[in-house]
Amino acid sequence: MNAPSNPSSQASGLDFRQRLLAMLGLCFVLIMVALDQTVVGTAMPTVVADLRGFSLYAWVGTSYLLTSVITVPIFGKLGDDHGRKPFVLTAIVLFTAASMLCGLAQDMLQLVLARALQGVGGGMLVATTFASVPDLFPHTRERLRWQVMLSASFGLANAIGPSLGGFLTEYLGWRWVFFVNLPVGVVSLWFVWRFLPVIRHAAHAPSRLDWQGAALIALFLGSLQLTVEWLPQHKSPWLLSALAALSLAALVGLVWWEKRSPNPLLPPSMLSHRGLAPLFGLSLLMGFGMFAVMYYAPLMFQAGFGLSPNHAGILVTPLVVFITIGSMLNGRIVQRLRHPTRLLSVGLLMFALTAALLSQAGPETAHWLIIANMVMGGLGLGLLMPNLTIFVQQLAPRRQLGVSTAMLQSTRMIGGMLGTALMGAVVSHQFQHGVAGMLATQHAQAWLRWLADPQTLLNPDSLAQFRHAAAAVGPERLLACTRQLLVDAIHFSQWLVAGGLLLGLWLASKVPAVVLSSAVSPQEPQHD
């Protein structure tokens, strides 16, 4: 281990070529994670139709997010203490292996478990990859210039992700949306292993990890997720009450323990920090809205509008493409603004309007209008995502850079988990209640078992069987009503998303003024 060095000696110790190739490796890592997020949403309606398990539809997303949320703060702290490179390498191997298991799943339960394992690797990547950038470029202005590479790689993955997911699903099968991670994982592994340096910011010996805090986080979020997921499935009230009580008790225990822990996983000082707390809250709301839109818009387009996976992917693509374009535009203007934090409110308003307009879209809506709406939402997210990271890294103490960045990503994932789970519960309840009422008015309750499950709308075999069985009562009329009820249920969920995002305007007003200077904190990193 070399002696501690100041930022200037660190910059001279890493030449341009090494930093460029190290960033290239991080870009491949980001491409792999971003591809996974964008292709899976488009493929999910087909996956659930093939594996026959709509009750676990939301679990494919929430299992990934749950394990990611638990692992992000753990490896954010470990990265600060031990250097990030060993954990980036381990995470790439784990994420790639879990992707292969997802592609080999034979039923929905196997897929959910494989996605949970993939989430562990994804959480490690999120906790370490983003925090590696300020390690390589400690000066803020220099870091903003180099982050164009990350924006470009994120844009590449987002540009091809939804369409690639639709294409692979339609022509090669949904399993290839997971297998596509394998070659990207191999390339990123080589670049990171060869060029990313090991950098530590703490001169003292690594501290003991807060395993008690990690266990309480897992207990709190796991029981909360089960409560939300099982609520619309009419589980026993005693079971749901017990899970809710367990979640609340774990939360209280977590707050109590973290205040007394000598080395807390979630430092209370960071959660109560005047500048960081509202940024974490905004990250939570952004994750809530983003995942609720990205998971349920494809379902509306395919099961509600009757579009193919490929066509649905094309409609979703502008959202994720313009996240990158918005991020690149943001990089151009954020340093020139006297009050850069105002961009957060602009981004929130744009994305909230996208969710509100999605609640008005129907099968007859011109596709160019849907695409224009997705463009606006992507630009809004492009003003939110990079700025939250920039502002947190500017306000947080440098010795807690990994923990603060990890907490920002954790809150986004918690929001995504809650958005996917809560909107899944809302959509399921609204849809099943509407179908039951519709069949009762038409005296066709015998078909409730078929039509209360959206799988009938998605699976060609199930759809053909229903049409044959209901030939005497006019199946097309019942199917048209059922599709409209699913669209109405998703519309209602998007109204809730828009309302939740508007609450973020209050949080944005609480973010203190941020000055984007090139000054570096006096904390001294050390590197190998």
Protein backbone atom coordinates (compact mmCIF):
# COMPACT_ATOMS: atom_id res chain seq x y z
CA MET A 1 0.00 0.00 0.00
CA ASN A 2 1.38 3.36 -0.96
CA ALA A 3 1.45 6.25 1.42
CA PRO A 4 -1.51 8.57 1.41
CA SER A 5 -1.41 11.04 -1.42
CA ASN A 6 -3.19 14.26 -2.23
CA PRO A 7 -5.44 14.62 -5.31
CA SER A 8 -2.67 16.12 -7.42
CA SER A 9 -0.31 13.19 -6.89
CA GLN A 10 -3.19 10.82 -7.49
CA ALA A 11 -3.91 12.43 -10.86
CA SER A 12 -0.26 12.17 -11.83
CA GLY A 13 -0.17 8.53 -10.75
CA LEU A 14 -2.93 7.60 -13.21
CA ASP A 15 -2.04 8.51 -16.77
CA PHE A 16 -4.59 9.44 -19.42
CA ARG A 17 -4.55 6.02 -21.10
CA GLN A 18 -5.25 4.11 -17.88
CA ARG A 19 -8.07 6.41 -16.89
CA LEU A 20 -9.58 6.21 -20.37
CA LEU A 21 -9.49 2.40 -20.44
CA ALA A 22 -10.71 2.18 -16.83
CA MET A 23 -13.66 4.39 -17.78
CA LEU A 24 -14.27 2.21 -20.81
CA GLY A 25 -14.53 -0.80 -18.50
CA LEU A 26 -17.01 1.06 -16.28
CA CYS A 27 -18.97 1.98 -19.40
CA PHE A 28 -19.31 -1.69 -20.35
CA VAL A 29 -20.51 -2.43 -16.81
CA LEU A 30 -23.11 0.33 -17.11
CA ILE A 31 -24.20 -0.96 -20.52
CA MET A 32 -24.77 -4.42 -19.04
CA VAL A 33 -26.87 -3.11 -16.14
CA ALA A 34 -28.80 -0.65 -18.33
CA LEU A 35 -29.48 -3.30 -20.97
CA ASP A 36 -30.89 -5.60 -18.31
CA GLN A 37 -33.21 -2.90 -17.00
CA THR A 38 -34.52 -1.90 -20.43
CA VAL A 39 -34.91 -5.25 -22.21
CA VAL A 40 -36.64 -7.08 -19.36
CA GLY A 41 -39.58 -4.68 -19.10
CA THR A 42 -40.46 -5.14 -22.78
CA ALA A 43 -40.14 -8.92 -22.55
CA MET A 44 -42.10 -9.38 -19.30
CA PRO A 45 -45.62 -9.77 -20.80
CA THR A 46 -44.29 -12.58 -23.03
CA VAL A 47 -42.33 -14.15 -20.16
CA VAL A 48 -45.38 -14.32 -17.92
CA ALA A 49 -47.46 -15.72 -20.78
CA ASP A 50 -44.90 -18.47 -21.40
CA LEU A 51 -44.15 -19.41 -17.79
CA ARG A 52 -47.78 -18.93 -16.70
CA GLY A 53 -47.58 -16.96 -13.49
CA PHE A 54 -49.12 -13.49 -13.64
CA SER A 55 -49.36 -13.43 -9.83
CA LEU A 56 -45.55 -13.21 -9.82
CA TYR A 57 -45.35 -10.55 -12.57
CA ALA A 58 -44.21 -7.77 -10.23
CA TRP A 59 -41.91 -10.13 -8.32
CA VAL A 60 -39.56 -10.43 -11.30
CA GLY A 61 -38.78 -6.74 -10.82
CA THR A 62 -39.14 -6.40 -7.07
CA SER A 63 -36.99 -9.45 -6.18
CA TYR A 64 -34.13 -7.89 -8.15
CA LEU A 65 -34.65 -4.50 -6.53
CA LEU A 66 -35.02 -5.92 -3.02
CA THR A 67 -31.69 -7.75 -3.03
CA SER A 68 -30.04 -4.78 -4.76
CA VAL A 69 -31.25 -2.40 -2.07
CA ILE A 70 -29.82 -4.63 0.65
CA THR A 71 -26.43 -5.06 -0.99
CA VAL A 72 -25.86 -1.48 -2.20
CA PRO A 73 -25.10 0.09 1.22
CA ILE A 74 -23.04 -2.94 2.29
CA PHE A 75 -20.71 -2.76 -0.69
CA GLY A 76 -20.70 1.02 -0.76
CA LYS A 77 -19.14 0.87 2.71
CA LEU A 78 -16.81 -2.02 1.83
CA GLY A 79 -15.67 -0.13 -1.26
CA ASP A 80 -14.77 2.91 0.85
CA ASP A 81 -12.74 0.73 3.22
CA HIS A 82 -11.08 -1.77 0.88
CA GLY A 83 -11.17 -0.15 -2.55
CA ARG A 84 -13.84 -0.77 -5.16
CA LYS A 85 -12.05 -2.87 -7.75
CA PRO A 86 -12.36 -6.33 -6.04
CA PHE A 87 -16.09 -5.81 -5.61
CA VAL A 88 -16.64 -4.59 -9.17
CA LEU A 89 -14.95 -7.76 -10.47
CA THR A 90 -16.94 -10.04 -8.16
CA ALA A 91 -20.17 -8.28 -9.07
CA ILE A 92 -19.58 -8.68 -12.82
CA VAL A 93 -19.06 -12.44 -12.44
CA LEU A 94 -22.13 -12.82 -10.21
CA PHE A 95 -24.38 -10.67 -12.40
CA THR A 96 -23.35 -12.52 -15.56
CA ALA A 97 -23.84 -15.97 -14.01
CA ALA A 98 -27.25 -14.97 -12.63
CA SER A 99 -28.26 -13.66 -16.09
CA MET A 100 -27.59 -17.13 -17.49
CA LEU A 101 -29.73 -18.69 -14.75
CA CYS A 102 -32.56 -16.28 -15.59
CA GLY A 103 -32.43 -17.39 -19.22
CA LEU A 104 -32.55 -21.05 -18.18
CA ALA A 105 -35.54 -20.67 -15.78
CA GLN A 106 -38.33 -23.20 -16.31
CA ASP A 107 -41.04 -21.50 -14.23
CA MET A 108 -41.78 -18.13 -12.68
CA LEU A 109 -40.46 -19.09 -9.24
CA GLN A 110 -37.09 -20.07 -10.69
CA LEU A 111 -36.98 -16.79 -12.61
CA VAL A 112 -37.81 -14.78 -9.48
CA LEU A 113 -35.05 -16.52 -7.50
CA ALA A 114 -32.52 -16.05 -10.32
CA ARG A 115 -33.49 -12.37 -10.54
CA ALA A 116 -32.93 -12.04 -6.79
CA LEU A 117 -29.40 -13.42 -7.24
CA GLN A 118 -28.89 -11.09 -10.18
CA GLY A 119 -29.97 -8.23 -7.94
CA VAL A 120 -27.14 -9.02 -5.51
CA GLY A 121 -24.65 -8.56 -8.35
CA GLY A 122 -26.51 -5.50 -9.62
CA GLY A 123 -26.45 -3.91 -6.17
CA MET A 124 -22.70 -4.50 -5.89
CA LEU A 125 -22.20 -2.91 -9.33
CA VAL A 126 -24.30 0.13 -8.51
CA ALA A 127 -22.56 0.64 -5.16
CA THR A 128 -19.07 0.49 -6.63
CA THR A 129 -19.20 1.56 -10.29
CA PHE A 130 -20.65 5.06 -9.80
CA ALA A 131 -18.38 5.74 -6.82
CA SER A 132 -15.33 4.74 -8.91
CA VAL A 133 -15.73 7.80 -11.15
CA PRO A 134 -14.85 10.44 -8.51
CA ASP A 135 -11.97 8.15 -7.48
CA LEU A 136 -10.53 8.49 -10.98
CA PHE A 137 -11.45 12.18 -11.35
CA PRO A 138 -11.51 13.98 -7.97
CA HIS A 139 -12.02 17.44 -9.52
CA THR A 140 -15.71 18.20 -10.11
CA ARG A 141 -15.35 19.92 -13.49
CA GLU A 142 -13.03 17.24 -14.80
CA ARG A 143 -15.42 14.56 -13.60
CA LEU A 144 -18.36 16.22 -15.35
CA ARG A 145 -16.44 16.20 -18.64
CA TRP A 146 -15.54 12.52 -18.37
CA GLN A 147 -19.07 11.54 -17.36
CA VAL A 148 -20.02 12.13 -21.00
CA MET A 149 -18.60 8.63 -21.59
CA LEU A 150 -21.00 7.17 -19.04
CA SER A 151 -23.88 9.14 -20.54
CA ALA A 152 -22.98 7.89 -24.02
CA SER A 153 -22.77 4.24 -22.89
CA PHE A 154 -26.01 4.58 -20.95
CA GLY A 155 -27.55 6.09 -24.08
CA LEU A 156 -26.33 3.26 -26.26
CA ALA A 157 -27.89 0.66 -23.97
CA ASN A 158 -31.10 2.67 -23.66
CA ALA A 159 -31.29 3.31 -27.39
CA ILE A 160 -31.20 -0.36 -28.31
CA GLY A 161 -32.59 -1.88 -25.09
CA PRO A 162 -36.40 -1.78 -25.51
CA SER A 163 -36.28 -2.46 -29.25
CA LEU A 164 -33.69 -5.19 -28.73
CA GLY A 165 -35.87 -6.72 -26.02
CA GLY A 166 -38.88 -6.69 -28.34
CA PHE A 167 -36.88 -8.07 -31.27
CA LEU A 168 -35.25 -10.87 -29.28
CA THR A 169 -38.55 -11.80 -27.63
CA GLU A 170 -40.46 -11.90 -30.90
CA TYR A 171 -37.89 -13.66 -33.10
CA LEU A 172 -35.49 -15.61 -30.83
CA GLY A 173 -37.47 -16.04 -27.60
CA TRP A 174 -37.52 -14.13 -24.32
CA ARG A 175 -34.60 -16.10 -22.84
CA TRP A 176 -32.21 -14.18 -25.07
CA VAL A 177 -32.97 -10.93 -23.25
CA PHE A 178 -30.94 -12.44 -20.39
CA PHE A 179 -28.32 -14.25 -22.46
CA VAL A 180 -27.39 -10.94 -24.13
CA ASN A 181 -25.64 -9.97 -20.88
CA LEU A 182 -23.04 -12.74 -21.22
CA PRO A 183 -20.73 -11.25 -23.90
CA VAL A 184 -20.98 -7.75 -22.37
CA GLY A 185 -20.07 -9.22 -18.97
CA VAL A 186 -16.95 -10.92 -20.34
CA VAL A 187 -15.71 -7.73 -22.03
CA SER A 188 -16.34 -5.55 -18.96
CA LEU A 189 -14.60 -8.09 -16.72
CA TRP A 190 -11.40 -7.90 -18.78
CA PHE A 191 -11.28 -4.10 -18.93
CA VAL A 192 -11.96 -3.62 -15.20
CA TRP A 193 -9.48 -6.32 -14.15
CA ARG A 194 -6.76 -4.88 -16.40
CA PHE A 195 -7.11 -1.11 -15.97
CA LEU A 196 -9.20 -0.04 -12.94
CA PRO A 197 -6.88 0.93 -10.04
CA VAL A 198 -7.55 0.15 -6.38
CA ILE A 199 -8.22 3.41 -4.54
CA ARG A 200 -9.01 3.85 -0.86
CA HIS A 201 -10.03 7.07 0.86
CA ALA A 202 -9.40 5.95 4.42
CA ALA A 203 -5.86 5.81 5.82
CA HIS A 204 -7.08 3.89 8.89
CA ALA A 205 -7.73 0.14 9.01
CA PRO A 206 -11.09 -1.04 7.59
CA SER A 207 -13.86 -0.86 10.16
CA ARG A 208 -16.18 -3.69 11.15
CA LEU A 209 -19.20 -4.01 8.87
CA ASP A 210 -22.62 -3.32 10.36
CA TRP A 211 -24.19 -6.74 9.76
CA GLN A 212 -26.97 -6.07 12.28
CA GLY A 213 -28.02 -3.03 10.27
CA ALA A 214 -27.93 -5.04 7.05
CA ALA A 215 -30.14 -7.75 8.60
CA LEU A 216 -32.66 -5.18 9.83
CA ILE A 217 -32.77 -3.53 6.37
CA ALA A 218 -33.46 -6.93 4.80
CA LEU A 219 -36.17 -7.72 7.36
CA PHE A 220 -37.84 -4.33 6.97
CA LEU A 221 -37.90 -4.27 3.18
CA GLY A 222 -38.64 -7.98 2.75
CA SER A 223 -41.67 -7.96 5.03
CA LEU A 224 -42.87 -4.66 3.52
CA GLN A 225 -42.64 -6.11 0.02
CA LEU A 226 -44.54 -9.26 1.00
CA THR A 227 -47.27 -7.16 2.61
CA VAL A 228 -47.73 -5.04 -0.51
CA GLU A 229 -47.54 -7.99 -2.92
CA TRP A 230 -49.98 -10.20 -0.99
CA LEU A 231 -52.53 -7.52 -0.15
CA PRO A 232 -54.48 -7.79 -3.45
CA GLN A 233 -54.24 -11.60 -3.37
CA HIS A 234 -56.63 -11.78 -0.38
CA LYS A 235 -54.19 -13.52 1.93
CA SER A 236 -55.16 -14.08 5.55
CA PRO A 237 -55.68 -10.77 7.39
CA TRP A 238 -53.72 -12.20 10.31
CA LEU A 239 -50.77 -12.97 8.05
CA LEU A 240 -50.84 -9.52 6.45
CA SER A 241 -51.13 -7.83 9.86
CA ALA A 242 -48.19 -9.84 11.19
CA LEU A 243 -46.04 -8.93 8.18
CA ALA A 244 -46.93 -5.23 8.50
CA ALA A 245 -46.13 -5.31 12.22
CA LEU A 246 -42.82 -7.07 11.51
CA SER A 247 -41.90 -4.45 8.92
CA LEU A 248 -42.69 -1.60 11.33
CA ALA A 249 -40.77 -3.26 14.16
CA ALA A 250 -37.75 -3.79 11.89
CA LEU A 251 -37.84 -0.13 10.85
CA VAL A 252 -37.97 1.05 14.47
CA GLY A 253 -35.17 -1.37 15.36
CA LEU A 254 -33.09 -0.15 12.41
CA VAL A 255 -33.41 3.50 13.47
CA TRP A 256 -32.56 2.60 17.08
CA TRP A 257 -29.54 0.47 16.13
CA GLU A 258 -28.04 2.84 13.56
CA LYS A 259 -28.02 5.66 16.13
CA ARG A 260 -26.02 3.47 18.52
CA SER A 261 -23.82 1.52 16.11
CA PRO A 262 -20.14 2.54 16.18
CA ASN A 263 -19.99 2.03 12.41
CA PRO A 264 -23.55 2.39 11.02
CA LEU A 265 -24.36 1.12 7.55
CA LEU A 266 -26.77 4.04 7.14
CA PRO A 267 -25.12 6.93 9.04
CA PRO A 268 -27.86 8.93 10.84
CA SER A 269 -25.87 12.10 10.24
CA MET A 270 -26.26 11.54 6.50
CA LEU A 271 -30.00 10.88 6.72
CA SER A 272 -30.47 14.08 8.74
CA HIS A 273 -28.07 16.14 6.61
CA ARG A 274 -29.88 19.30 5.51
CA GLY A 275 -28.72 18.96 1.92
CA LEU A 276 -28.59 15.20 1.44
CA ALA A 277 -31.94 14.21 2.98
CA PRO A 278 -34.15 15.92 0.33
CA LEU A 279 -31.94 14.49 -2.44
CA PHE A 280 -32.46 10.97 -1.07
CA GLY A 281 -36.21 11.66 -0.95
CA LEU A 282 -36.20 12.82 -4.56
CA SER A 283 -34.29 9.71 -5.58
CA LEU A 284 -36.98 7.59 -3.88
CA LEU A 285 -39.77 9.35 -5.79
CA MET A 286 -37.87 9.17 -9.08
CA GLY A 287 -37.36 5.41 -8.71
CA PHE A 288 -41.03 5.00 -7.80
CA GLY A 289 -42.20 6.75 -10.94
CA MET A 290 -39.59 5.41 -13.36
CA PHE A 291 -40.11 1.72 -12.59
CA ALA A 292 -43.90 2.09 -12.40
CA VAL A 293 -43.88 3.52 -15.93
CA MET A 294 -41.25 1.20 -17.42
CA TYR A 295 -42.91 -1.99 -16.12
CA TYR A 296 -46.56 -1.22 -16.79
CA ALA A 297 -46.46 0.83 -20.01
CA PRO A 298 -45.30 -2.27 -21.99
CA LEU A 299 -48.07 -4.31 -20.35
CA MET A 300 -50.64 -1.70 -21.44
CA PHE A 301 -49.25 -1.60 -24.97
CA GLN A 302 -49.19 -5.39 -25.41
CA ALA A 303 -52.10 -6.77 -23.37
CA GLY A 304 -54.28 -3.63 -23.53
CA PHE A 305 -53.62 -2.28 -27.02
CA GLY A 306 -52.81 -5.67 -28.59
CA LEU A 307 -49.40 -4.61 -29.94
CA SER A 308 -46.52 -7.03 -30.57
CA PRO A 309 -43.49 -7.05 -28.20
CA ASN A 310 -41.38 -5.48 -30.94
CA HIS A 311 -43.86 -2.66 -31.55
CA ALA A 312 -44.28 -2.05 -27.81
CA GLY A 313 -40.50 -1.85 -27.49
CA ILE A 314 -40.38 0.84 -30.17
CA LEU A 315 -42.89 2.95 -28.22
CA VAL A 316 -40.89 2.65 -24.98
CA THR A 317 -37.49 3.28 -26.60
CA PRO A 318 -37.76 7.12 -26.74
CA LEU A 319 -38.18 7.27 -22.95
CA VAL A 320 -34.84 5.63 -22.24
CA VAL A 321 -33.01 7.14 -25.23
CA PHE A 322 -33.88 10.67 -24.15
CA ILE A 323 -32.77 10.01 -20.59
CA THR A 324 -29.28 9.98 -22.09
CA ILE A 325 -29.84 12.92 -24.38
CA GLY A 326 -31.26 14.86 -21.43
CA SER A 327 -28.23 13.88 -19.33
CA MET A 328 -25.85 15.12 -22.03
CA LEU A 329 -27.74 18.40 -22.38
CA ASN A 330 -27.73 18.70 -18.62
CA GLY A 331 -23.95 18.34 -18.56
CA ARG A 332 -23.74 21.33 -20.90
CA ILE A 333 -25.97 23.65 -18.89
CA VAL A 334 -25.75 22.63 -15.23
CA GLN A 335 -22.35 24.31 -14.70
CA ARG A 336 -23.55 27.53 -16.31
CA LEU A 337 -26.57 28.06 -14.05
CA ARG A 338 -26.44 30.22 -10.96
CA HIS A 339 -29.06 27.96 -9.32
CA PRO A 340 -28.47 24.50 -10.81
CA THR A 341 -30.78 22.78 -8.30
CA ARG A 342 -33.79 24.30 -10.08
CA LEU A 343 -33.29 21.73 -12.82
CA LEU A 344 -34.64 19.12 -10.38
CA SER A 345 -38.08 20.79 -10.35
CA VAL A 346 -38.11 21.06 -14.14
CA GLY A 347 -37.31 17.35 -14.50
CA LEU A 348 -40.00 16.37 -11.99
CA LEU A 349 -42.67 18.39 -13.77
CA MET A 350 -41.79 16.91 -17.15
CA PHE A 351 -41.87 13.32 -15.95
CA ALA A 352 -45.07 13.85 -13.93
CA LEU A 353 -46.73 15.21 -17.08
CA THR A 354 -45.58 12.11 -19.00
CA ALA A 355 -47.25 9.82 -16.45
CA ALA A 356 -50.44 11.96 -16.55
CA LEU A 357 -50.57 11.82 -20.36
CA LEU A 358 -49.99 8.05 -20.33
CA SER A 359 -53.19 7.81 -18.30
CA GLN A 360 -55.03 9.26 -21.30
CA ALA A 361 -53.49 7.03 -24.00
CA GLY A 362 -55.68 4.45 -25.69
CA PRO A 363 -55.51 2.02 -28.62
CA GLU A 364 -56.69 4.80 -30.92
CA THR A 365 -54.03 7.28 -29.77
CA ALA A 366 -51.59 8.17 -32.55
CA HIS A 367 -48.27 6.49 -31.92
CA TRP A 368 -46.35 9.69 -32.65
CA LEU A 369 -48.13 11.31 -29.70
CA ILE A 370 -47.10 8.44 -27.41
CA ILE A 371 -43.52 8.73 -28.70
CA ALA A 372 -43.50 12.51 -28.13
CA ASN A 373 -44.76 11.96 -24.58
CA MET A 374 -42.01 9.40 -23.93
CA VAL A 375 -39.42 11.87 -25.29
CA MET A 376 -40.58 14.46 -22.75
CA GLY A 377 -40.42 11.94 -19.91
CA GLY A 378 -36.92 10.87 -20.91
CA LEU A 379 -35.71 14.47 -20.98
CA GLY A 380 -37.21 15.00 -17.52
CA LEU A 381 -35.40 11.97 -16.12
CA GLY A 382 -32.24 13.18 -17.85
CA LEU A 383 -32.42 16.34 -15.73
CA LEU A 384 -33.02 14.34 -12.55
CA MET A 385 -30.70 11.33 -12.58
CA PRO A 386 -27.27 12.92 -13.17
CA ASN A 387 -27.99 15.97 -11.04
CA LEU A 388 -28.98 13.91 -8.02
CA THR A 389 -25.62 12.11 -8.25
CA ILE A 390 -23.66 15.34 -8.85
CA PHE A 391 -25.30 17.20 -5.97
CA VAL A 392 -24.92 14.31 -3.51
CA GLN A 393 -21.24 13.86 -4.35
CA GLN A 394 -20.71 17.62 -4.00
CA LEU A 395 -22.45 17.88 -0.60
CA ALA A 396 -21.29 14.63 1.04
CA PRO A 397 -18.02 14.37 3.02
CA ARG A 398 -15.40 12.84 0.75
CA ARG A 399 -14.60 10.06 3.23
CA GLN A 400 -18.25 8.94 2.88
CA LEU A 401 -18.39 9.24 -0.89
CA GLY A 402 -19.15 5.55 -1.45
CA VAL A 403 -21.77 5.39 1.30
CA SER A 404 -23.56 8.54 0.13
CA THR A 405 -23.55 7.45 -3.53
CA ALA A 406 -24.73 3.99 -2.48
CA MET A 407 -27.53 5.48 -0.37
CA LEU A 408 -28.67 7.56 -3.35
CA GLN A 409 -28.86 4.44 -5.51
CA SER A 410 -30.50 2.52 -2.65
CA THR A 411 -33.29 5.04 -2.28
CA ARG A 412 -33.89 4.94 -6.04
CA MET A 413 -34.14 1.14 -5.89
CA ILE A 414 -36.43 1.24 -2.85
CA GLY A 415 -38.63 3.64 -4.78
CA GLY A 416 -38.54 1.30 -7.76
CA MET A 417 -39.41 -1.67 -5.58
CA LEU A 418 -42.33 0.19 -4.00
CA GLY A 419 -43.47 1.59 -7.35
CA THR A 420 -43.45 -1.81 -9.03
CA ALA A 421 -45.11 -3.56 -6.09
CA LEU A 422 -47.70 -0.89 -5.23
CA MET A 423 -48.71 -0.26 -8.84
CA GLY A 424 -48.85 -4.03 -9.37
CA ALA A 425 -51.25 -4.29 -6.43
CA VAL A 426 -53.32 -1.37 -7.73
CA VAL A 427 -53.49 -2.71 -11.29
CA SER A 428 -54.39 -6.25 -10.15
CA HIS A 429 -57.12 -5.04 -7.79
CA GLN A 430 -58.65 -2.57 -10.25
CA PHE A 431 -58.54 -5.04 -13.12
CA GLN A 432 -59.98 -8.03 -11.27
CA HIS A 433 -62.70 -5.92 -9.64
CA GLY A 434 -63.61 -4.41 -13.02
CA VAL A 435 -63.72 -7.79 -14.80
CA ALA A 436 -65.95 -9.27 -12.09
CA GLY A 437 -68.35 -6.32 -12.39
CA MET A 438 -68.38 -6.43 -16.19
CA LEU A 439 -69.14 -10.16 -16.30
CA ALA A 440 -71.87 -9.77 -13.66
CA THR A 441 -73.68 -7.12 -15.73
CA GLN A 442 -73.48 -9.36 -18.80
CA HIS A 443 -74.47 -12.50 -16.87
CA ALA A 444 -71.25 -14.20 -17.92
CA GLN A 445 -69.65 -14.97 -14.55
CA ALA A 446 -68.67 -18.42 -15.84
CA TRP A 447 -65.77 -16.79 -17.70
CA LEU A 448 -64.29 -15.05 -14.64
CA ARG A 449 -61.53 -17.66 -14.25
CA TRP A 450 -60.39 -16.97 -17.81
CA LEU A 451 -60.63 -13.20 -17.98
CA ALA A 452 -59.52 -12.21 -14.47
CA ASP A 453 -56.01 -13.34 -15.44
CA PRO A 454 -54.33 -11.02 -18.02
CA GLN A 455 -52.40 -14.06 -19.20
CA THR A 456 -55.44 -14.90 -21.36
CA LEU A 457 -54.77 -11.67 -23.28
CA LEU A 458 -51.04 -12.37 -23.62
CA ASN A 459 -50.66 -16.09 -24.26
CA PRO A 460 -51.72 -17.11 -27.80
CA ASP A 461 -52.63 -20.64 -26.68
CA SER A 462 -54.76 -19.41 -23.77
CA LEU A 463 -56.41 -16.86 -26.04
CA ALA A 464 -57.25 -19.51 -28.65
CA GLN A 465 -58.65 -21.84 -25.98
CA PHE A 466 -60.87 -19.08 -24.58
CA ARG A 467 -62.18 -18.15 -28.03
CA HIS A 468 -63.05 -21.78 -28.68
CA ALA A 469 -64.69 -22.31 -25.28
CA ALA A 470 -66.68 -19.04 -25.42
CA ALA A 471 -67.66 -19.24 -29.09
CA ALA A 472 -71.36 -19.35 -28.23
CA VAL A 473 -71.38 -16.09 -26.21
CA GLY A 474 -69.30 -13.86 -28.48
CA PRO A 475 -65.71 -13.99 -27.15
CA GLU A 476 -64.51 -10.90 -29.03
CA ARG A 477 -66.96 -8.66 -27.18
CA LEU A 478 -65.79 -10.00 -23.81
CA LEU A 479 -62.14 -9.72 -24.83
CA ALA A 480 -62.56 -6.11 -25.95
CA CYS A 481 -64.16 -5.18 -22.62
CA THR A 482 -61.41 -7.00 -20.72
CA ARG A 483 -58.65 -5.22 -22.63
CA GLN A 484 -60.25 -1.87 -21.90
CA LEU A 485 -60.53 -2.71 -18.19
CA LEU A 486 -56.81 -3.52 -18.08
CA VAL A 487 -56.03 -0.22 -19.82
CA ASP A 488 -58.26 1.61 -17.30
CA ALA A 489 -56.46 -0.07 -14.39
CA ILE A 490 -53.03 0.97 -15.72
CA HIS A 491 -54.38 4.49 -16.40
CA PHE A 492 -55.37 4.76 -12.72
CA SER A 493 -51.87 3.65 -11.64
CA GLN A 494 -50.27 6.34 -13.81
CA TRP A 495 -52.42 9.03 -12.22
CA LEU A 496 -51.07 7.92 -8.86
CA VAL A 497 -47.52 8.09 -10.21
CA ALA A 498 -48.07 11.65 -11.49
CA GLY A 499 -49.47 12.74 -8.13
CA GLY A 500 -46.56 11.20 -6.24
CA LEU A 501 -44.01 12.91 -8.46
CA LEU A 502 -45.58 16.30 -7.87
CA LEU A 503 -44.90 15.86 -4.15
CA GLY A 504 -41.24 15.99 -5.08
CA LEU A 505 -41.50 19.71 -5.84
CA TRP A 506 -41.60 20.37 -2.10
CA LEU A 507 -38.48 18.25 -1.60
CA ALA A 508 -36.70 20.03 -4.46
CA SER A 509 -37.36 23.36 -2.77
CA LYS A 510 -35.48 22.07 0.32
CA VAL A 511 -32.24 21.30 -1.55
CA PRO A 512 -29.64 23.93 -0.59
CA ALA A 513 -27.69 25.95 -3.14
CA VAL A 514 -24.90 23.92 -4.75
CA VAL A 515 -21.76 25.49 -6.21
CA LEU A 516 -20.12 23.27 -8.84
CA SER A 517 -16.49 24.18 -8.36
CA SER A 518 -13.37 22.17 -9.02
CA ALA A 519 -12.28 22.31 -5.43
CA VAL A 520 -11.49 19.00 -3.82
CA SER A 521 -12.19 18.06 -0.26
CA PRO A 522 -9.07 17.97 1.91
CA GLN A 523 -9.69 14.31 2.64
CA GLU A 524 -6.75 12.42 1.21
CA PRO A 525 -7.37 9.33 -0.82
CA GLN A 526 -4.74 6.69 -1.23
CA HIS A 527 -4.28 4.35 -4.12
CA ASP A 528 -2.41 1.24 -5.12
